[in-house]
Structures are given as structure tokens and as C-alpha cells.
């Protein structure tokens, strides 16, 4: 792990800390904020109805006129805070160690300036090749490491492996969404 001697000159910023601690891996309820989008993405990739009981709009998702399937291209739009939660729910930019409070880690994956810049974007491609369906992802034109689903040298994993890798979203956040509804008094 690259350890900086201080915060000066590092890429650590208040934005990085804010995103990590509010809507990502640093918050026990951060990842679950992106589960609805991931479940909608899985529905589109597999051409099956949305299976989500978290924060999606079930009325819109259950209608083929407002949530069509089997289309060539889809476009979704979101706020940067939601994008950070979506990345975390997908398993992207996951550093194995938590962000330390006393020094900068130059080799960390989570860098908000590269993930959610103004007009940032996530592109998910479904690619057919020789009878096999693959998935690959790009964040602002950078190919993402999809090692969590066995991606090969070309950055693609099979659709089945990708869907399987999204167990957290498919399990509705593994109970985390219900924690959002708990009375904290």
C-alpha cells in the first residue's frame, strides 16, 4: 500500500471522504442505496422483469411502456451521490482496506474525481460473441476491472457470471435496506 507522508499533494479530498462515508463502502447503509439501479440493470441485461423490493418505483418498473425490455440501448440519468452508491452496490472501486484517517493511500481505487466528475458516466455493454453473452463496464471511458465476475483480459465476463456476482443486489441488500427503515429512537 502506498503511504503518503501527509495529506499535502495527495489525491485525498473531502469529496473522497464524503462519498466513501455517506454513500459507499464506508457507510453500512451506503451500498444499499444503489441496489435498485443494479436490479433494474440486471432486468435489462437478462430481459426479465425487475425483481426489487428496495427503492425502485414498482409501478413504473412493472409496466412495459415505462420500463421496456429487449431494447438495443437504454439511458439512465442520476446524481453523483447516487452514482457512488451504484458503483459500491456493483462492487466497483472496492478497496480492501478502509480509508485511513491519518495518511493518504496513493494506490487506492476509490477516487471520486475519477468516478463522479461533472458529466460523469457509467456505460454497461452487453456483447454477443459466438453464441455467448458478455458484460463489460466503463466509467468515463475507462474499462472497469470486473474481476469479481471472472473477467478475462478483454475486461468482459459472461452475463451469467455477472448476474451471479451481483448477489448483494439480487438479495435486496441482504437486509441492509430494512435497516434504513428501523426506528433509531
Protein backbone atom coordinates (compact mmCIF):
# COMPACT_ATOMS: atom_id res chain seq x y z
CA UNK A 1 0.00 0.00 0.00
CA UNK A 2 1.44 3.38 -0.96
CA UNK A 3 1.64 5.52 2.15
CA UNK A 4 1.97 9.28 1.79
CA UNK A 5 3.82 11.22 4.46
CA UNK A 6 0.99 13.73 4.74
CA UNK A 7 -2.16 14.80 3.01
CA UNK A 8 -0.44 17.52 1.00
CA UNK A 9 -0.04 16.68 -2.67
CA UNK A 10 -2.25 13.61 -2.34
CA UNK A 11 -5.49 12.92 -4.12
CA UNK A 12 -7.30 12.53 -0.81
CA UNK A 13 -10.02 15.12 -0.61
CA UNK A 14 -13.08 15.99 1.38
CA UNK A 15 -15.12 14.67 -1.57
CA UNK A 16 -13.44 11.26 -1.36
CA UNK A 17 -14.14 11.04 2.36
CA UNK A 18 -17.69 12.32 1.91
CA UNK A 19 -18.58 9.82 -0.81
CA UNK A 20 -16.96 6.89 0.97
CA UNK A 21 -18.54 7.66 4.33
CA UNK A 22 -22.00 8.73 3.15
CA UNK A 23 -22.99 6.62 0.16
CA UNK A 24 -20.43 3.88 -0.32
CA UNK A 25 -18.27 1.28 1.38
CA UNK A 26 -17.58 3.39 4.49
CA UNK A 27 -21.25 3.53 5.46
CA UNK A 28 -23.02 0.31 6.48
CA UNK A 29 -26.05 1.52 4.51
CA UNK A 30 -24.13 3.13 1.64
CA UNK A 31 -24.14 0.27 -0.85
CA UNK A 32 -27.85 -0.49 -0.45
CA UNK A 33 -28.67 2.94 -1.90
CA UNK A 34 -27.56 1.60 -5.31
CA UNK A 35 -29.33 -1.77 -5.18
CA UNK A 36 -32.46 -0.62 -7.01
CA UNK A 37 -30.46 0.56 -10.00
CA UNK A 38 -28.44 -2.66 -10.09
CA UNK A 39 -31.62 -4.74 -10.07
CA UNK A 40 -33.03 -2.65 -12.93
CA UNK A 41 -29.77 -3.13 -14.81
CA UNK A 42 -29.93 -6.89 -14.28
CA UNK A 43 -33.52 -6.90 -15.60
CA UNK A 44 -32.43 -5.10 -18.75
CA UNK A 45 -29.39 -7.31 -19.29
CA UNK A 46 -31.42 -10.50 -18.88
CA UNK A 47 -34.68 -9.26 -20.45
CA UNK A 48 -36.63 -10.25 -17.34
CA UNK A 49 -38.94 -8.23 -15.07
CA UNK A 50 -37.35 -6.20 -12.28
CA UNK A 51 -37.03 -8.08 -9.00
CA UNK A 52 -36.51 -5.40 -6.38
CA UNK A 53 -38.11 -4.57 -3.06
CA UNK A 54 -35.83 -1.69 -2.12
CA UNK A 55 -36.22 1.82 -3.57
CA UNK A 56 -37.37 1.30 -7.16
CA UNK A 57 -40.72 2.55 -8.42
CA UNK A 58 -42.67 -0.70 -8.74
CA UNK A 59 -45.45 0.96 -10.72
CA UNK A 60 -43.05 2.18 -13.41
CA UNK A 61 -40.90 -0.96 -13.36
CA UNK A 62 -43.89 -3.28 -13.81
CA UNK A 63 -45.11 -1.56 -16.99
CA UNK A 64 -43.62 -2.39 -20.37
CA UNK A 65 -44.42 1.13 -21.56
CA UNK A 66 -42.38 2.82 -18.78
CA UNK A 67 -39.75 0.09 -18.30
CA UNK A 68 -39.35 -1.64 -21.66
CA UNK A 69 -37.14 -4.69 -22.06
CA UNK A 70 -35.29 -6.13 -25.04
CA UNK A 71 -34.13 -2.77 -26.39
CA UNK A 72 -30.81 -2.07 -28.07
CA UNK A 73 -29.89 0.91 -25.90
CA UNK A 74 -31.03 2.43 -22.61
CA UNK A 75 -30.11 5.74 -20.99
CA UNK A 76 -30.49 6.43 -17.28
CA UNK A 77 -29.54 9.64 -15.52
CA UNK A 78 -28.61 10.16 -11.90
CA UNK A 79 -26.96 12.40 -9.32
CA UNK A 80 -23.30 11.92 -8.38
CA UNK A 81 -24.19 10.72 -4.87
CA UNK A 82 -26.36 8.00 -6.37
CA UNK A 83 -23.58 7.04 -8.80
CA UNK A 84 -21.22 6.44 -5.87
CA UNK A 85 -23.79 4.13 -4.26
CA UNK A 86 -24.35 2.33 -7.59
CA UNK A 87 -20.60 1.76 -8.02
CA UNK A 88 -20.44 0.34 -4.50
CA UNK A 89 -23.50 -1.88 -4.99
CA UNK A 90 -21.93 -3.23 -8.19
CA UNK A 91 -18.62 -3.89 -6.43
CA UNK A 92 -16.59 -1.36 -8.43
CA UNK A 93 -13.69 0.62 -6.90
CA UNK A 94 -13.66 -1.60 -3.82
CA UNK A 95 -10.52 -1.05 -1.77
CA UNK A 96 -9.79 -3.96 0.53
CA UNK A 97 -8.68 -1.68 3.36
CA UNK A 98 -10.79 1.13 4.83
CA UNK A 99 -9.66 4.68 4.18
CA UNK A 100 -7.20 5.66 6.95
CA UNK A 101 -7.76 8.94 8.75
CA UNK A 102 -4.11 9.88 9.27
CA UNK A 103 -2.44 9.44 5.87
CA UNK A 104 -3.17 9.26 2.16
CA UNK A 105 -3.06 5.97 0.27
CA UNK A 106 -1.90 6.69 -3.27
CA UNK A 107 -2.82 3.24 -4.60
CA UNK A 108 -6.44 3.23 -3.51
CA UNK A 109 -9.13 2.53 -6.12
CA UNK A 110 -11.75 4.95 -4.77
CA UNK A 111 -11.01 8.39 -6.23
CA UNK A 112 -14.16 10.45 -6.56
CA UNK A 113 -12.53 12.86 -9.01
CA UNK A 114 -12.28 9.98 -11.49
CA UNK A 115 -15.66 8.43 -10.67
CA UNK A 116 -18.13 11.27 -10.41
CA UNK A 117 -16.74 14.29 -12.23
CA UNK A 118 -19.16 16.73 -13.79
CA UNK A 119 -20.93 14.86 -16.57
CA UNK A 120 -19.50 11.52 -15.42
CA UNK A 121 -20.94 8.34 -16.85
CA UNK A 122 -21.21 4.60 -16.38
CA UNK A 123 -21.61 2.55 -19.55
CA UNK A 124 -22.59 -1.10 -19.37
CA UNK A 125 -22.31 -3.11 -22.56
CA UNK A 126 -23.98 -6.42 -23.32
CA UNK A 127 -21.92 -8.06 -26.06
CA UNK A 128 -22.85 -11.17 -28.09
CA UNK A 129 -19.95 -13.20 -29.46
CA UNK A 130 -20.05 -16.74 -30.88
CA UNK A 131 -23.31 -17.52 -29.08
CA UNK A 132 -22.09 -16.29 -25.67
CA UNK A 133 -23.31 -13.12 -23.98
CA UNK A 134 -20.75 -10.98 -22.16
CA UNK A 135 -20.86 -7.85 -19.99
CA UNK A 136 -18.26 -5.11 -19.67
CA UNK A 137 -18.36 -1.73 -17.97
CA UNK A 138 -16.74 1.65 -18.49
CA UNK A 139 -16.62 4.62 -16.15
CA UNK A 140 -15.81 7.78 -18.07
CA UNK A 141 -14.30 5.73 -20.94
CA UNK A 142 -12.05 3.70 -18.61
CA UNK A 143 -12.62 -0.06 -18.75
CA UNK A 144 -13.50 -1.39 -15.31
CA UNK A 145 -11.87 -4.36 -13.63
CA UNK A 146 -14.67 -6.91 -13.36
CA UNK A 147 -12.53 -9.47 -11.57
CA UNK A 148 -15.45 -10.10 -9.21
CA UNK A 149 -17.16 -11.97 -12.07
CA UNK A 150 -14.13 -13.58 -13.67
CA UNK A 151 -13.45 -11.03 -16.40
CA UNK A 152 -10.70 -12.02 -18.77
CA UNK A 153 -8.00 -10.00 -20.48
CA UNK A 154 -10.66 -8.18 -22.51
CA UNK A 155 -12.48 -6.87 -19.42
CA UNK A 156 -15.58 -8.95 -20.14
CA UNK A 157 -17.25 -11.64 -18.10
CA UNK A 158 -20.14 -13.81 -19.15
CA UNK A 159 -23.60 -12.47 -18.47
CA UNK A 160 -24.35 -15.42 -16.20
CA UNK A 161 -21.19 -14.77 -14.16
CA UNK A 162 -22.01 -11.06 -13.93
CA UNK A 163 -25.55 -11.74 -12.71
CA UNK A 164 -24.22 -14.28 -10.20
CA UNK A 165 -21.65 -11.73 -8.94
CA UNK A 166 -24.45 -9.32 -8.05
CA UNK A 167 -25.67 -11.41 -5.11
CA UNK A 168 -25.91 -8.36 -2.83
CA UNK A 169 -28.40 -6.63 -5.11
CA UNK A 170 -30.26 -9.81 -6.04
CA UNK A 171 -30.73 -10.45 -2.29
CA UNK A 172 -32.25 -6.95 -1.90
CA UNK A 173 -29.21 -5.66 0.00
CA UNK A 174 -29.04 -8.67 2.33
CA UNK A 175 -31.20 -6.96 4.97
CA UNK A 176 -29.48 -3.57 4.77
CA UNK A 177 -32.49 -1.84 3.22
CA UNK A 178 -34.65 -2.85 6.18
CA UNK A 179 -32.10 -1.23 8.49
CA UNK A 180 -32.85 2.08 6.74
CA UNK A 181 -36.43 1.74 7.93
CA UNK A 182 -35.63 0.93 11.57
CA UNK A 183 -36.62 3.37 14.28
CA UNK A 184 -33.43 4.74 15.81
CA UNK A 185 -35.08 6.01 18.99
